[in-house]
N, C-alpha and C. Protein backbone atom coordinates (compact mmCIF):
# COMPACT_ATOMS: atom_id res chain seq x y z
N MET A 1 0.84 -1.18 0.00
CA MET A 1 0.00 0.00 0.00
C MET A 1 0.88 1.24 0.00
N LYS A 2 0.31 2.31 -0.52
CA LYS A 2 1.04 3.58 -0.60
C LYS A 2 0.15 4.72 -0.10
N LEU A 3 0.80 5.69 0.52
CA LEU A 3 0.14 6.93 0.90
C LEU A 3 0.47 7.95 -0.18
N VAL A 4 -0.56 8.49 -0.80
CA VAL A 4 -0.38 9.52 -1.82
C VAL A 4 -0.83 10.83 -1.20
N ARG A 5 0.10 11.77 -1.10
CA ARG A 5 -0.18 13.08 -0.49
C ARG A 5 -0.01 14.14 -1.57
N ALA A 6 -1.08 14.86 -1.86
CA ALA A 6 -1.03 15.92 -2.86
C ALA A 6 -1.20 17.26 -2.18
N ILE A 7 -0.36 18.22 -2.55
CA ILE A 7 -0.46 19.58 -2.05
C ILE A 7 -0.83 20.44 -3.25
N ILE A 8 -2.03 21.03 -3.19
CA ILE A 8 -2.56 21.77 -4.33
C ILE A 8 -3.07 23.14 -3.89
N LYS A 9 -3.35 23.99 -4.85
CA LYS A 9 -3.92 25.30 -4.55
C LYS A 9 -5.39 25.13 -4.18
N PRO A 10 -5.91 25.96 -3.27
CA PRO A 10 -7.29 25.82 -2.81
C PRO A 10 -8.32 25.84 -3.94
N ASP A 11 -8.10 26.64 -4.96
CA ASP A 11 -9.09 26.73 -6.04
C ASP A 11 -9.10 25.49 -6.94
N GLN A 12 -8.19 24.55 -6.73
CA GLN A 12 -8.14 23.33 -7.53
C GLN A 12 -8.87 22.16 -6.86
N LEU A 13 -9.30 22.34 -5.62
CA LEU A 13 -9.88 21.23 -4.86
C LEU A 13 -11.10 20.63 -5.54
N ALA A 14 -12.04 21.45 -5.99
CA ALA A 14 -13.27 20.93 -6.59
C ALA A 14 -12.97 20.10 -7.84
N SER A 15 -12.08 20.59 -8.70
CA SER A 15 -11.78 19.83 -9.93
C SER A 15 -11.03 18.54 -9.61
N VAL A 16 -10.17 18.56 -8.59
CA VAL A 16 -9.45 17.34 -8.19
C VAL A 16 -10.43 16.32 -7.62
N GLN A 17 -11.33 16.76 -6.75
CA GLN A 17 -12.32 15.83 -6.17
C GLN A 17 -13.18 15.21 -7.26
N ARG A 18 -13.63 16.02 -8.21
CA ARG A 18 -14.45 15.53 -9.32
C ARG A 18 -13.67 14.48 -10.13
N ALA A 19 -12.43 14.78 -10.46
CA ALA A 19 -11.60 13.86 -11.24
C ALA A 19 -11.35 12.56 -10.48
N LEU A 20 -11.10 12.66 -9.17
CA LEU A 20 -10.87 11.46 -8.37
C LEU A 20 -12.11 10.57 -8.34
N GLU A 21 -13.28 11.18 -8.13
CA GLU A 21 -14.52 10.40 -8.11
C GLU A 21 -14.78 9.73 -9.45
N GLN A 22 -14.50 10.43 -10.55
CA GLN A 22 -14.71 9.86 -11.89
C GLN A 22 -13.79 8.66 -12.14
N ASN A 23 -12.67 8.61 -11.44
CA ASN A 23 -11.72 7.50 -11.61
C ASN A 23 -11.80 6.47 -10.49
N GLY A 24 -12.86 6.55 -9.67
CA GLY A 24 -13.10 5.53 -8.65
C GLY A 24 -12.42 5.74 -7.32
N PHE A 25 -11.85 6.92 -7.08
CA PHE A 25 -11.23 7.22 -5.79
C PHE A 25 -12.20 8.07 -4.98
N SER A 26 -12.68 7.54 -3.85
CA SER A 26 -13.68 8.30 -3.08
C SER A 26 -13.21 8.68 -1.69
N GLY A 27 -12.55 7.79 -0.97
CA GLY A 27 -12.13 8.09 0.39
C GLY A 27 -10.84 8.89 0.41
N MET A 28 -10.86 10.02 1.08
CA MET A 28 -9.67 10.86 1.14
C MET A 28 -9.72 11.73 2.39
N THR A 29 -8.57 12.23 2.79
CA THR A 29 -8.46 13.20 3.88
C THR A 29 -8.04 14.51 3.25
N VAL A 30 -8.73 15.60 3.64
CA VAL A 30 -8.43 16.93 3.08
C VAL A 30 -8.14 17.87 4.24
N ARG A 31 -7.04 18.61 4.13
CA ARG A 31 -6.65 19.57 5.18
C ARG A 31 -6.30 20.91 4.56
N ASP A 32 -6.62 21.99 5.28
CA ASP A 32 -6.11 23.32 4.94
C ASP A 32 -4.73 23.43 5.56
N ILE A 33 -3.75 23.81 4.77
CA ILE A 33 -2.40 23.98 5.29
C ILE A 33 -1.83 25.30 4.76
N GLY A 34 -0.69 25.68 5.29
CA GLY A 34 0.03 26.85 4.78
C GLY A 34 1.41 26.41 4.36
N GLY A 35 1.94 27.05 3.35
CA GLY A 35 3.27 26.67 2.89
C GLY A 35 3.92 27.79 2.11
N ARG A 36 5.15 27.53 1.74
CA ARG A 36 5.93 28.52 1.01
C ARG A 36 6.70 27.80 -0.07
N GLU A 37 6.67 28.32 -1.27
CA GLU A 37 7.36 27.70 -2.40
C GLU A 37 8.86 27.84 -2.24
N GLU A 38 9.60 26.81 -2.63
CA GLU A 38 11.06 26.81 -2.50
C GLU A 38 11.73 27.90 -3.32
N ASP A 39 11.20 28.17 -4.49
CA ASP A 39 11.88 29.10 -5.39
C ASP A 39 11.63 30.57 -5.07
N LYS A 40 11.00 30.85 -3.93
CA LYS A 40 10.79 32.24 -3.54
C LYS A 40 12.02 32.83 -2.85
N GLY A 41 13.01 32.02 -2.57
CA GLY A 41 14.23 32.51 -1.94
C GLY A 41 14.09 32.59 -0.43
N PRO A 42 15.13 33.08 0.24
CA PRO A 42 15.11 33.15 1.70
C PRO A 42 14.11 34.18 2.20
N TYR A 43 13.61 33.95 3.41
CA TYR A 43 12.66 34.86 4.03
C TYR A 43 13.34 36.19 4.31
N THR A 44 12.72 37.29 3.89
CA THR A 44 13.33 38.60 4.06
C THR A 44 12.44 39.58 4.81
N GLY A 45 11.35 39.09 5.40
CA GLY A 45 10.43 39.98 6.12
C GLY A 45 11.01 40.48 7.43
N THR A 46 10.31 41.41 8.05
CA THR A 46 10.78 41.94 9.33
C THR A 46 10.09 41.20 10.47
N VAL A 47 10.81 41.01 11.53
CA VAL A 47 10.26 40.36 12.71
C VAL A 47 9.92 41.44 13.72
N THR A 48 8.64 41.52 14.08
CA THR A 48 8.22 42.53 15.07
C THR A 48 7.44 41.81 16.16
N GLY A 49 8.12 41.24 17.07
CA GLY A 49 7.47 40.53 18.18
C GLY A 49 7.08 39.12 17.81
N SER A 50 6.34 38.93 16.73
CA SER A 50 5.99 37.59 16.28
C SER A 50 6.51 37.41 14.86
N ARG A 51 6.92 36.24 14.56
CA ARG A 51 7.53 35.99 13.26
C ARG A 51 6.47 35.63 12.23
N SER A 52 6.50 36.29 11.13
CA SER A 52 5.60 36.00 10.02
C SER A 52 6.41 35.37 8.90
N LEU A 53 5.98 34.24 8.41
CA LEU A 53 6.71 33.56 7.35
C LEU A 53 6.07 33.75 5.98
N ASP A 54 5.06 34.58 5.89
CA ASP A 54 4.37 34.81 4.62
C ASP A 54 3.93 33.50 3.97
N LEU A 55 3.22 32.68 4.73
CA LEU A 55 2.75 31.40 4.22
C LEU A 55 1.54 31.59 3.32
N GLU A 56 1.51 30.85 2.24
CA GLU A 56 0.38 30.88 1.33
C GLU A 56 -0.56 29.74 1.67
N PRO A 57 -1.87 29.92 1.44
CA PRO A 57 -2.81 28.83 1.72
C PRO A 57 -2.69 27.72 0.67
N TRP A 58 -2.69 26.48 1.13
CA TRP A 58 -2.65 25.31 0.27
C TRP A 58 -3.63 24.29 0.82
N ILE A 59 -3.97 23.30 0.02
CA ILE A 59 -4.81 22.18 0.43
C ILE A 59 -3.96 20.91 0.34
N GLN A 60 -4.07 20.06 1.35
CA GLN A 60 -3.37 18.77 1.33
C GLN A 60 -4.42 17.67 1.25
N ILE A 61 -4.27 16.79 0.28
CA ILE A 61 -5.17 15.66 0.11
C ILE A 61 -4.35 14.39 0.32
N GLU A 62 -4.88 13.45 1.09
CA GLU A 62 -4.18 12.18 1.32
C GLU A 62 -5.11 11.02 1.00
N LEU A 63 -4.57 10.03 0.31
CA LEU A 63 -5.29 8.80 0.02
C LEU A 63 -4.33 7.63 0.21
N VAL A 64 -4.81 6.52 0.75
CA VAL A 64 -4.02 5.29 0.85
C VAL A 64 -4.59 4.33 -0.18
N VAL A 65 -3.73 3.87 -1.09
CA VAL A 65 -4.17 3.00 -2.17
C VAL A 65 -3.20 1.84 -2.35
N ASP A 66 -3.65 0.81 -3.06
CA ASP A 66 -2.75 -0.28 -3.43
C ASP A 66 -1.70 0.25 -4.40
N TYR A 67 -0.52 -0.35 -4.37
CA TYR A 67 0.60 0.16 -5.17
C TYR A 67 0.28 0.27 -6.66
N TYR A 68 -0.55 -0.63 -7.18
CA TYR A 68 -0.83 -0.63 -8.62
C TYR A 68 -1.78 0.50 -9.04
N LYS A 69 -2.37 1.23 -8.08
CA LYS A 69 -3.25 2.36 -8.40
C LYS A 69 -2.54 3.71 -8.32
N VAL A 70 -1.28 3.71 -7.90
CA VAL A 70 -0.56 4.97 -7.67
C VAL A 70 -0.42 5.80 -8.94
N ASP A 71 -0.02 5.18 -10.04
CA ASP A 71 0.18 5.95 -11.27
C ASP A 71 -1.12 6.59 -11.76
N LEU A 72 -2.22 5.83 -11.71
CA LEU A 72 -3.51 6.39 -12.11
C LEU A 72 -3.91 7.54 -11.19
N LEU A 73 -3.72 7.36 -9.89
CA LEU A 73 -4.08 8.40 -8.92
C LEU A 73 -3.23 9.65 -9.13
N ALA A 74 -1.92 9.49 -9.26
CA ALA A 74 -1.03 10.65 -9.44
C ALA A 74 -1.34 11.38 -10.74
N SER A 75 -1.57 10.66 -11.81
CA SER A 75 -1.86 11.33 -13.08
C SER A 75 -3.22 12.00 -13.06
N THR A 76 -4.18 11.42 -12.35
CA THR A 76 -5.51 12.04 -12.22
C THR A 76 -5.40 13.38 -11.50
N ILE A 77 -4.66 13.40 -10.40
CA ILE A 77 -4.48 14.65 -9.64
C ILE A 77 -3.72 15.67 -10.47
N ALA A 78 -2.62 15.24 -11.09
CA ALA A 78 -1.79 16.16 -11.87
C ALA A 78 -2.58 16.78 -13.02
N GLU A 79 -3.33 15.97 -13.75
CA GLU A 79 -4.11 16.50 -14.88
C GLU A 79 -5.19 17.46 -14.42
N ALA A 80 -5.79 17.20 -13.26
CA ALA A 80 -6.84 18.09 -12.75
C ALA A 80 -6.28 19.42 -12.28
N CYS A 81 -4.99 19.47 -11.95
CA CYS A 81 -4.37 20.69 -11.42
C CYS A 81 -3.67 21.54 -12.46
N GLN A 82 -3.33 20.98 -13.59
CA GLN A 82 -2.49 21.70 -14.55
C GLN A 82 -3.23 22.86 -15.20
N THR A 83 -2.63 24.05 -15.05
CA THR A 83 -3.18 25.26 -15.67
C THR A 83 -2.14 25.95 -16.54
N GLY A 84 -0.91 25.49 -16.49
CA GLY A 84 0.15 26.10 -17.27
C GLY A 84 0.96 27.13 -16.50
N SER A 85 0.56 27.40 -15.26
CA SER A 85 1.33 28.36 -14.46
C SER A 85 2.40 27.62 -13.65
N ILE A 86 3.30 28.39 -13.07
CA ILE A 86 4.41 27.83 -12.30
C ILE A 86 3.92 27.36 -10.94
N TRP A 87 4.47 26.30 -10.44
CA TRP A 87 4.22 25.69 -9.13
C TRP A 87 2.73 25.52 -8.85
N GLU A 88 2.17 24.50 -9.46
CA GLU A 88 0.76 24.19 -9.28
C GLU A 88 0.53 23.18 -8.17
N GLY A 89 1.58 22.58 -7.65
CA GLY A 89 1.41 21.62 -6.57
C GLY A 89 2.51 20.58 -6.56
N ARG A 90 2.32 19.61 -5.68
CA ARG A 90 3.31 18.54 -5.53
C ARG A 90 2.56 17.29 -5.08
N ILE A 91 3.01 16.14 -5.57
CA ILE A 91 2.42 14.86 -5.18
C ILE A 91 3.54 13.99 -4.64
N LEU A 92 3.36 13.50 -3.42
CA LEU A 92 4.35 12.64 -2.77
C LEU A 92 3.75 11.25 -2.61
N VAL A 93 4.57 10.23 -2.81
CA VAL A 93 4.13 8.84 -2.65
C VAL A 93 5.09 8.16 -1.68
N VAL A 94 4.56 7.61 -0.59
CA VAL A 94 5.39 6.95 0.41
C VAL A 94 4.78 5.59 0.78
N PRO A 95 5.61 4.63 1.18
CA PRO A 95 5.10 3.32 1.56
C PRO A 95 4.27 3.38 2.85
N VAL A 96 3.28 2.51 2.93
CA VAL A 96 2.47 2.36 4.14
C VAL A 96 2.68 0.94 4.64
N GLU A 97 3.15 0.82 5.85
CA GLU A 97 3.43 -0.50 6.41
C GLU A 97 2.14 -1.22 6.81
N ARG A 98 1.21 -0.46 7.39
CA ARG A 98 -0.01 -1.07 7.90
C ARG A 98 -1.13 -0.04 7.94
N ALA A 99 -2.35 -0.49 7.65
CA ALA A 99 -3.53 0.37 7.78
C ALA A 99 -4.56 -0.41 8.59
N ILE A 100 -5.13 0.22 9.60
CA ILE A 100 -6.12 -0.45 10.46
C ILE A 100 -7.40 0.37 10.43
N ARG A 101 -8.50 -0.26 10.07
CA ARG A 101 -9.80 0.41 10.12
C ARG A 101 -10.28 0.36 11.56
N VAL A 102 -10.43 1.50 12.18
CA VAL A 102 -10.75 1.58 13.61
C VAL A 102 -12.12 0.97 13.90
N ARG A 103 -13.09 1.20 13.04
CA ARG A 103 -14.46 0.73 13.27
C ARG A 103 -14.52 -0.77 13.50
N VAL A 104 -13.77 -1.54 12.73
CA VAL A 104 -13.84 -3.00 12.82
C VAL A 104 -12.51 -3.64 13.21
N SER A 105 -11.50 -2.82 13.48
CA SER A 105 -10.15 -3.29 13.80
C SER A 105 -9.61 -4.25 12.74
N LYS A 106 -10.02 -4.04 11.51
CA LYS A 106 -9.56 -4.90 10.43
C LYS A 106 -8.23 -4.37 9.90
N ARG A 107 -7.23 -5.24 9.87
CA ARG A 107 -5.90 -4.84 9.39
C ARG A 107 -5.81 -5.03 7.89
N GLN A 108 -5.12 -4.10 7.28
CA GLN A 108 -4.79 -4.23 5.86
C GLN A 108 -3.28 -4.12 5.79
N GLU A 109 -2.62 -5.25 5.75
CA GLU A 109 -1.16 -5.25 5.78
C GLU A 109 -0.60 -5.83 4.50
N LYS A 110 0.44 -5.25 4.05
CA LYS A 110 1.22 -5.81 2.96
C LYS A 110 2.67 -5.59 3.33
N GLU A 111 3.50 -6.53 3.00
CA GLU A 111 4.91 -6.40 3.32
C GLU A 111 5.51 -5.25 2.52
N VAL A 112 6.28 -4.44 3.20
CA VAL A 112 6.92 -3.31 2.54
C VAL A 112 8.32 -3.71 2.13
N ASP A 113 8.61 -3.60 0.86
CA ASP A 113 9.92 -3.95 0.32
C ASP A 113 10.94 -2.91 0.76
N GLU A 114 12.04 -3.35 1.31
CA GLU A 114 13.08 -2.43 1.79
C GLU A 114 13.68 -1.61 0.66
N GLU A 115 13.56 -2.08 -0.56
CA GLU A 115 14.14 -1.37 -1.70
C GLU A 115 13.22 -0.26 -2.22
N GLU A 116 12.00 -0.17 -1.69
CA GLU A 116 11.09 0.87 -2.17
C GLU A 116 11.65 2.24 -1.86
N ARG A 117 11.43 3.16 -2.76
CA ARG A 117 11.91 4.53 -2.60
C ARG A 117 10.71 5.47 -2.56
N HIS A 118 10.92 6.62 -1.95
CA HIS A 118 9.90 7.66 -1.98
C HIS A 118 9.87 8.24 -3.39
N VAL A 119 8.68 8.43 -3.91
CA VAL A 119 8.52 8.97 -5.25
C VAL A 119 7.89 10.35 -5.14
N VAL A 120 8.41 11.31 -5.85
CA VAL A 120 7.85 12.66 -5.84
C VAL A 120 7.39 13.00 -7.25
N TYR A 121 6.12 13.34 -7.38
CA TYR A 121 5.59 13.84 -8.63
C TYR A 121 5.41 15.33 -8.47
N ALA A 122 6.09 16.12 -9.24
CA ALA A 122 5.94 17.58 -9.17
C ALA A 122 5.04 18.01 -10.31
N VAL A 123 4.07 18.84 -10.00
CA VAL A 123 3.14 19.34 -11.01
C VAL A 123 3.59 20.72 -11.41
N TYR A 124 4.11 20.87 -12.61
CA TYR A 124 4.60 22.16 -13.08
C TYR A 124 3.83 22.61 -14.29
């Protein structure tokens, strides 16, 4: 199993959700987060009592899927986000050792291969 974490702009959420549902992905976790793009350079603001990092609003979407669905999921999210502008988001894929459904305590385990690597899909 893999955890797919997408960080997208807030105005892209509706189109991403629609695209995911059309491709059979329904269960997801959605969070409001703040972040700063790497290519903006070092922080140069003034500190006056409290530190402001000039964070921009972003949305984080997480889904846990079987490994063979990762490419479809990543391409679905990427295609739904692409507008042609710079830094439209990022998609991270990481191994999941175990998932437990709390309601029924049902385990979903698959052995994690030690050779697996973290995969990063950047949406540009």
